[in-house]
Amino acid sequence: MIESTASVAQPAPALQRPARVLVVDDNSDFIESVSVFLRLEGYEVASAGSAYEMWRVLDGYEPDVVLLDIGLPDESGYDVARALIARYRGHAPVLIALTAWNTVTDRMLAEFAGFDHHVAKPYDARALADLIARSTYRVAT
């Protein structure tokens, strides 16, 4: 007799390593507070204060999620998102705009640039953690 897959509970994937989050923002205090919170939530966190610094971090770090400010000092977050998508060619990390830029136009521009989500500053830490958890899965290294 063949067992129906509908009646068999499928186990959740094993948590092999914490999801990796890269925080990119030009405000060092903001980076610190978000990073501390995410580490307490069990994530591995790296950070960068500019687009230039982010590219250097990415040479040795493969994030599952990138929290990216739109108003970076050296490059638009929209341009950075498009470049990340091109770099990863269909396997880009989850891109979350975490920004004070929160008009309808800003949200549309984020969507057009390829962001998966848009979170306005000031942000709700619990809601952000839940969004990251829903957007990622933990994979084996």
N, C-alpha and C. Protein backbone atom coordinates (compact mmCIF):
# COMPACT_ATOMS: atom_id res chain seq x y z
N MET A 1 0.84 -1.18 0.00
CA MET A 1 0.00 0.00 0.00
C MET A 1 0.88 1.24 0.00
N ILE A 2 0.58 2.20 -0.87
CA ILE A 2 1.35 3.45 -0.96
C ILE A 2 0.75 4.44 0.02
N GLU A 3 1.61 5.00 0.84
CA GLU A 3 1.16 5.97 1.84
C GLU A 3 0.97 7.34 1.20
N SER A 4 -0.12 8.00 1.50
CA SER A 4 -0.40 9.34 0.99
C SER A 4 0.52 10.35 1.64
N THR A 5 1.13 11.23 0.84
CA THR A 5 2.00 12.26 1.41
C THR A 5 1.20 13.28 2.20
N ALA A 6 -0.09 13.37 1.94
CA ALA A 6 -0.91 14.32 2.68
C ALA A 6 -1.05 13.92 4.14
N SER A 7 -0.94 12.62 4.42
CA SER A 7 -1.12 12.17 5.79
C SER A 7 0.19 12.04 6.56
N VAL A 8 1.30 12.25 5.87
CA VAL A 8 2.61 12.11 6.52
C VAL A 8 3.18 13.50 6.79
N ALA A 9 3.45 13.79 8.03
CA ALA A 9 4.04 15.09 8.39
C ALA A 9 5.48 15.14 7.89
N GLN A 10 5.83 16.21 7.25
CA GLN A 10 7.18 16.40 6.76
C GLN A 10 7.99 17.16 7.80
N PRO A 11 9.16 16.64 8.20
CA PRO A 11 9.95 17.36 9.20
C PRO A 11 10.50 18.66 8.64
N ALA A 12 10.65 19.63 9.51
CA ALA A 12 11.25 20.91 9.11
C ALA A 12 12.72 20.68 8.81
N PRO A 13 13.29 21.46 7.89
CA PRO A 13 14.72 21.31 7.61
C PRO A 13 15.56 21.56 8.87
N ALA A 14 16.62 20.80 9.01
CA ALA A 14 17.50 20.96 10.16
C ALA A 14 18.19 22.32 10.10
N LEU A 15 18.32 22.95 11.25
CA LEU A 15 19.02 24.23 11.33
C LEU A 15 20.51 23.95 11.44
N GLN A 16 21.21 24.11 10.34
CA GLN A 16 22.63 23.79 10.30
C GLN A 16 23.50 24.99 10.66
N ARG A 17 23.05 26.17 10.29
CA ARG A 17 23.79 27.38 10.62
C ARG A 17 22.81 28.53 10.66
N PRO A 18 23.12 29.56 11.42
CA PRO A 18 22.21 30.70 11.44
C PRO A 18 22.20 31.40 10.08
N ALA A 19 21.08 31.97 9.73
CA ALA A 19 21.01 32.77 8.52
C ALA A 19 21.97 33.95 8.67
N ARG A 20 22.59 34.31 7.57
CA ARG A 20 23.56 35.41 7.57
C ARG A 20 22.89 36.69 7.07
N VAL A 21 23.06 37.75 7.85
CA VAL A 21 22.46 39.04 7.52
C VAL A 21 23.56 40.07 7.36
N LEU A 22 23.50 40.83 6.28
CA LEU A 22 24.42 41.94 6.06
C LEU A 22 23.62 43.23 6.21
N VAL A 23 24.07 44.10 7.12
CA VAL A 23 23.43 45.39 7.37
C VAL A 23 24.28 46.47 6.71
N VAL A 24 23.67 47.22 5.80
CA VAL A 24 24.39 48.28 5.09
C VAL A 24 23.68 49.61 5.35
N ASP A 25 24.36 50.48 6.10
CA ASP A 25 23.79 51.78 6.47
C ASP A 25 24.94 52.71 6.81
N ASP A 26 24.78 53.99 6.55
CA ASP A 26 25.86 54.95 6.84
C ASP A 26 25.82 55.45 8.27
N ASN A 27 24.84 55.04 9.07
CA ASN A 27 24.75 55.46 10.46
C ASN A 27 25.29 54.34 11.35
N SER A 28 26.46 54.55 11.93
CA SER A 28 27.12 53.49 12.71
C SER A 28 26.33 53.10 13.96
N ASP A 29 25.65 54.06 14.59
CA ASP A 29 24.81 53.72 15.74
C ASP A 29 23.65 52.82 15.34
N PHE A 30 23.06 53.11 14.19
CA PHE A 30 21.98 52.29 13.69
C PHE A 30 22.48 50.88 13.39
N ILE A 31 23.62 50.78 12.72
CA ILE A 31 24.20 49.47 12.42
C ILE A 31 24.40 48.68 13.71
N GLU A 32 24.95 49.33 14.71
CA GLU A 32 25.23 48.65 15.98
C GLU A 32 23.96 48.13 16.63
N SER A 33 22.93 48.96 16.69
CA SER A 33 21.70 48.53 17.37
C SER A 33 21.01 47.39 16.61
N VAL A 34 20.93 47.49 15.30
CA VAL A 34 20.31 46.42 14.51
C VAL A 34 21.14 45.13 14.63
N SER A 35 22.45 45.26 14.55
CA SER A 35 23.33 44.09 14.62
C SER A 35 23.22 43.37 15.97
N VAL A 36 23.22 44.12 17.06
CA VAL A 36 23.08 43.52 18.38
C VAL A 36 21.75 42.77 18.48
N PHE A 37 20.68 43.42 18.05
CA PHE A 37 19.36 42.78 18.11
C PHE A 37 19.35 41.49 17.29
N LEU A 38 19.84 41.54 16.07
CA LEU A 38 19.80 40.35 15.21
C LEU A 38 20.68 39.22 15.75
N ARG A 39 21.81 39.57 16.34
CA ARG A 39 22.65 38.53 16.97
C ARG A 39 21.90 37.87 18.12
N LEU A 40 21.20 38.67 18.91
CA LEU A 40 20.39 38.10 20.00
C LEU A 40 19.29 37.20 19.47
N GLU A 41 18.83 37.46 18.26
CA GLU A 41 17.82 36.63 17.62
C GLU A 41 18.42 35.37 17.00
N GLY A 42 19.75 35.27 17.02
CA GLY A 42 20.41 34.06 16.52
C GLY A 42 20.99 34.15 15.13
N TYR A 43 21.02 35.35 14.56
CA TYR A 43 21.57 35.52 13.22
C TYR A 43 23.07 35.82 13.27
N GLU A 44 23.77 35.43 12.22
CA GLU A 44 25.15 35.84 12.01
C GLU A 44 25.09 37.17 11.27
N VAL A 45 25.78 38.19 11.75
CA VAL A 45 25.63 39.54 11.19
C VAL A 45 26.98 40.12 10.79
N ALA A 46 27.01 40.71 9.60
CA ALA A 46 28.14 41.51 9.15
C ALA A 46 27.56 42.88 8.79
N SER A 47 28.43 43.87 8.68
CA SER A 47 27.92 45.20 8.39
C SER A 47 28.88 45.98 7.50
N ALA A 48 28.31 47.04 6.91
CA ALA A 48 29.10 47.94 6.07
C ALA A 48 28.46 49.32 6.16
N GLY A 49 29.30 50.36 6.13
CA GLY A 49 28.83 51.73 6.24
C GLY A 49 28.65 52.45 4.92
N SER A 50 28.91 51.76 3.81
CA SER A 50 28.77 52.36 2.49
C SER A 50 28.67 51.24 1.46
N ALA A 51 28.31 51.61 0.24
CA ALA A 51 28.27 50.61 -0.83
C ALA A 51 29.67 50.07 -1.10
N TYR A 52 30.65 50.95 -1.12
CA TYR A 52 32.03 50.52 -1.35
C TYR A 52 32.45 49.48 -0.32
N GLU A 53 32.19 49.76 0.94
CA GLU A 53 32.55 48.83 2.01
C GLU A 53 31.76 47.52 1.89
N MET A 54 30.51 47.61 1.47
CA MET A 54 29.69 46.40 1.29
C MET A 54 30.32 45.45 0.28
N TRP A 55 30.81 46.00 -0.84
CA TRP A 55 31.42 45.13 -1.86
C TRP A 55 32.66 44.44 -1.30
N ARG A 56 33.40 45.14 -0.46
CA ARG A 56 34.58 44.51 0.18
C ARG A 56 34.15 43.39 1.13
N VAL A 57 33.09 43.62 1.91
CA VAL A 57 32.59 42.60 2.83
C VAL A 57 32.13 41.37 2.05
N LEU A 58 31.49 41.59 0.91
CA LEU A 58 30.95 40.48 0.12
C LEU A 58 32.03 39.59 -0.49
N ASP A 59 33.28 40.04 -0.48
CA ASP A 59 34.36 39.19 -0.99
C ASP A 59 34.54 37.95 -0.12
N GLY A 60 34.16 38.03 1.16
CA GLY A 60 34.34 36.88 2.04
C GLY A 60 33.11 36.50 2.82
N TYR A 61 31.95 37.00 2.42
CA TYR A 61 30.73 36.78 3.20
C TYR A 61 29.56 36.61 2.25
N GLU A 62 28.84 35.53 2.38
CA GLU A 62 27.67 35.27 1.54
C GLU A 62 26.40 35.40 2.37
N PRO A 63 25.75 36.55 2.33
CA PRO A 63 24.55 36.75 3.16
C PRO A 63 23.32 36.06 2.58
N ASP A 64 22.42 35.70 3.47
CA ASP A 64 21.10 35.21 3.07
C ASP A 64 20.13 36.38 2.94
N VAL A 65 20.41 37.45 3.70
CA VAL A 65 19.57 38.66 3.71
C VAL A 65 20.48 39.87 3.72
N VAL A 66 20.10 40.90 2.96
CA VAL A 66 20.80 42.18 3.02
C VAL A 66 19.78 43.24 3.43
N LEU A 67 20.05 43.89 4.56
CA LEU A 67 19.27 45.05 5.00
C LEU A 67 20.00 46.27 4.46
N LEU A 68 19.38 46.98 3.54
CA LEU A 68 20.08 48.00 2.78
C LEU A 68 19.36 49.34 2.87
N ASP A 69 20.10 50.35 3.33
CA ASP A 69 19.59 51.71 3.35
C ASP A 69 19.56 52.24 1.92
N ILE A 70 18.60 53.08 1.62
CA ILE A 70 18.51 53.67 0.28
C ILE A 70 19.45 54.86 0.15
N GLY A 71 19.56 55.68 1.20
CA GLY A 71 20.34 56.91 1.13
C GLY A 71 21.77 56.73 1.59
N LEU A 72 22.53 55.92 0.87
CA LEU A 72 23.94 55.74 1.20
C LEU A 72 24.76 56.91 0.69
N PRO A 73 25.91 57.18 1.30
CA PRO A 73 26.68 58.36 0.91
C PRO A 73 27.36 58.24 -0.45
N ASP A 74 27.63 57.04 -0.89
CA ASP A 74 28.42 56.88 -2.11
C ASP A 74 27.66 56.30 -3.29
N GLU A 75 26.48 55.75 -3.05
CA GLU A 75 25.71 55.15 -4.13
C GLU A 75 24.27 54.97 -3.66
N SER A 76 23.34 55.08 -4.57
CA SER A 76 21.94 54.88 -4.23
C SER A 76 21.69 53.41 -3.87
N GLY A 77 20.89 53.20 -2.84
CA GLY A 77 20.51 51.83 -2.48
C GLY A 77 19.78 51.12 -3.61
N TYR A 78 19.07 51.87 -4.43
CA TYR A 78 18.40 51.28 -5.58
C TYR A 78 19.42 50.71 -6.56
N ASP A 79 20.48 51.48 -6.83
CA ASP A 79 21.54 51.01 -7.73
C ASP A 79 22.26 49.80 -7.13
N VAL A 80 22.49 49.84 -5.82
CA VAL A 80 23.16 48.73 -5.15
C VAL A 80 22.31 47.47 -5.25
N ALA A 81 21.00 47.59 -5.06
CA ALA A 81 20.11 46.43 -5.17
C ALA A 81 20.19 45.82 -6.56
N ARG A 82 20.13 46.65 -7.59
CA ARG A 82 20.22 46.14 -8.96
C ARG A 82 21.56 45.44 -9.20
N ALA A 83 22.63 46.02 -8.68
CA ALA A 83 23.96 45.42 -8.85
C ALA A 83 24.07 44.09 -8.10
N LEU A 84 23.48 44.01 -6.92
CA LEU A 84 23.49 42.74 -6.18
C LEU A 84 22.73 41.66 -6.94
N ILE A 85 21.58 42.02 -7.48
CA ILE A 85 20.80 41.05 -8.25
C ILE A 85 21.59 40.57 -9.46
N ALA A 86 22.27 41.49 -10.15
CA ALA A 86 23.10 41.11 -11.29
C ALA A 86 24.26 40.23 -10.86
N ARG A 87 24.86 40.54 -9.74
CA ARG A 87 26.01 39.76 -9.25
C ARG A 87 25.61 38.31 -8.98
N TYR A 88 24.46 38.12 -8.37
CA TYR A 88 24.05 36.78 -7.96
C TYR A 88 23.22 36.05 -9.01
N ARG A 89 22.89 36.71 -10.09
CA ARG A 89 22.21 36.12 -11.25
C ARG A 89 21.09 35.15 -10.87
N GLY A 90 20.07 35.69 -10.24
CA GLY A 90 18.92 34.89 -9.91
C GLY A 90 18.97 34.21 -8.55
N HIS A 91 20.10 34.26 -7.89
CA HIS A 91 20.23 33.65 -6.57
C HIS A 91 20.64 34.70 -5.54
N ALA A 92 20.10 35.89 -5.70
CA ALA A 92 20.45 36.99 -4.80
C ALA A 92 19.89 36.73 -3.41
N PRO A 93 20.56 37.26 -2.40
CA PRO A 93 19.98 37.19 -1.06
C PRO A 93 18.67 37.97 -1.03
N VAL A 94 17.90 37.74 0.01
CA VAL A 94 16.68 38.51 0.21
C VAL A 94 17.10 39.96 0.45
N LEU A 95 16.54 40.88 -0.31
CA LEU A 95 16.89 42.29 -0.20
C LEU A 95 15.76 43.04 0.50
N ILE A 96 16.12 43.65 1.64
CA ILE A 96 15.15 44.42 2.40
C ILE A 96 15.63 45.87 2.49
N ALA A 97 14.85 46.78 1.91
CA ALA A 97 15.15 48.20 2.06
C ALA A 97 14.75 48.58 3.48
N LEU A 98 15.71 49.02 4.26
CA LEU A 98 15.47 49.48 5.63
C LEU A 98 15.87 50.94 5.64
N THR A 99 14.88 51.82 5.49
CA THR A 99 15.16 53.20 5.11
C THR A 99 14.14 54.18 5.65
N ALA A 100 14.55 55.43 5.76
CA ALA A 100 13.63 56.50 6.14
C ALA A 100 12.86 56.99 4.91
N TRP A 101 13.27 56.58 3.74
CA TRP A 101 12.60 56.97 2.51
C TRP A 101 11.33 56.12 2.38
N ASN A 102 10.17 56.72 2.69
CA ASN A 102 8.97 55.91 2.87
C ASN A 102 7.73 56.49 2.18
N THR A 103 7.90 57.18 1.08
CA THR A 103 6.73 57.63 0.34
C THR A 103 6.27 56.49 -0.57
N VAL A 104 5.11 56.67 -1.17
CA VAL A 104 4.61 55.68 -2.13
C VAL A 104 5.62 55.54 -3.27
N THR A 105 6.16 56.67 -3.72
CA THR A 105 7.16 56.63 -4.80
C THR A 105 8.40 55.87 -4.37
N ASP A 106 8.86 56.09 -3.13
CA ASP A 106 10.04 55.37 -2.63
C ASP A 106 9.80 53.86 -2.62
N ARG A 107 8.61 53.46 -2.20
CA ARG A 107 8.27 52.03 -2.17
C ARG A 107 8.23 51.44 -3.58
N MET A 108 7.68 52.20 -4.52
CA MET A 108 7.63 51.73 -5.91
C MET A 108 9.03 51.62 -6.48
N LEU A 109 9.87 52.62 -6.22
CA LEU A 109 11.24 52.57 -6.72
C LEU A 109 12.00 51.38 -6.14
N ALA A 110 11.74 51.08 -4.86
CA ALA A 110 12.38 49.91 -4.24
C ALA A 110 11.93 48.62 -4.93
N GLU A 111 10.64 48.53 -5.20
CA GLU A 111 10.13 47.34 -5.89
C GLU A 111 10.74 47.22 -7.28
N PHE A 112 10.79 48.32 -8.01
CA PHE A 112 11.36 48.30 -9.36
C PHE A 112 12.85 47.96 -9.35
N ALA A 113 13.54 48.34 -8.29
CA ALA A 113 14.98 48.05 -8.18
C ALA A 113 15.23 46.57 -7.82
N GLY A 114 14.18 45.88 -7.37
CA GLY A 114 14.33 44.46 -7.07
C GLY A 114 14.30 44.09 -5.60
N PHE A 115 14.04 45.06 -4.75
CA PHE A 115 13.93 44.74 -3.32
C PHE A 115 12.77 43.78 -3.11
N ASP A 116 12.95 42.85 -2.18
CA ASP A 116 11.89 41.92 -1.83
C ASP A 116 10.91 42.55 -0.83
N HIS A 117 11.43 43.44 0.02
CA HIS A 117 10.61 44.06 1.06
C HIS A 117 11.09 45.49 1.29
N HIS A 118 10.20 46.30 1.87
CA HIS A 118 10.52 47.68 2.22
C HIS A 118 10.09 47.89 3.66
N VAL A 119 11.01 48.28 4.53
CA VAL A 119 10.72 48.54 5.94
C VAL A 119 11.13 49.98 6.24
N ALA A 120 10.19 50.72 6.81
CA ALA A 120 10.43 52.13 7.10
C ALA A 120 11.08 52.31 8.46
N LYS A 121 12.02 53.27 8.53
CA LYS A 121 12.58 53.71 9.80
C LYS A 121 11.67 54.81 10.34
N PRO A 122 11.44 54.91 11.60
CA PRO A 122 11.89 53.96 12.62
C PRO A 122 11.14 52.64 12.44
N TYR A 123 11.82 51.56 12.71
CA TYR A 123 11.26 50.24 12.44
C TYR A 123 10.88 49.54 13.75
N ASP A 124 10.01 48.56 13.62
CA ASP A 124 9.61 47.71 14.74
C ASP A 124 10.54 46.50 14.72
N ALA A 125 11.39 46.36 15.73
CA ALA A 125 12.40 45.30 15.76
C ALA A 125 11.78 43.91 15.66
N ARG A 126 10.71 43.68 16.38
CA ARG A 126 10.06 42.36 16.36
C ARG A 126 9.51 42.06 14.98
N ALA A 127 8.88 43.05 14.35
CA ALA A 127 8.34 42.86 13.00
C ALA A 127 9.46 42.59 12.00
N LEU A 128 10.60 43.28 12.15
CA LEU A 128 11.74 43.04 11.26
C LEU A 128 12.26 41.62 11.44
N ALA A 129 12.42 41.18 12.68
CA ALA A 129 12.91 39.82 12.93
C ALA A 129 11.95 38.79 12.34
N ASP A 130 10.66 39.02 12.48
CA ASP A 130 9.67 38.11 11.90
C ASP A 130 9.74 38.09 10.38
N LEU A 131 9.94 39.25 9.78
CA LEU A 131 10.07 39.34 8.32
C LEU A 131 11.28 38.56 7.85
N ILE A 132 12.40 38.73 8.52
CA ILE A 132 13.62 38.00 8.15
C ILE A 132 13.39 36.50 8.29
N ALA A 133 12.78 36.09 9.39
CA ALA A 133 12.52 34.67 9.61
C ALA A 133 11.61 34.09 8.53
N ARG A 134 10.60 34.84 8.12
CA ARG A 134 9.68 34.36 7.07
C ARG A 134 10.34 34.35 5.70
N SER A 135 11.34 35.20 5.51
CA SER A 135 11.95 35.37 4.19
C SER A 135 13.12 34.44 3.95
N THR A 136 13.61 33.81 4.97
CA THR A 136 14.80 32.99 4.81
C THR A 136 14.57 31.60 5.38
N TYR A 137 15.46 30.76 5.07
CA TYR A 137 15.52 29.45 5.71
C TYR A 137 16.97 29.23 6.05
N ARG A 138 17.21 28.40 7.00
CA ARG A 138 18.59 28.15 7.44
C ARG A 138 19.12 26.94 6.70
N VAL A 139 20.28 27.11 6.13
CA VAL A 139 20.81 26.08 5.26
C VAL A 139 22.11 25.51 5.81
N ALA A 140 22.46 24.33 5.35
CA ALA A 140 23.72 23.71 5.76
C ALA A 140 24.87 24.40 5.06
N THR A 141 26.00 24.47 5.74
CA THR A 141 27.18 25.09 5.11
C THR A 141 27.96 24.05 4.35
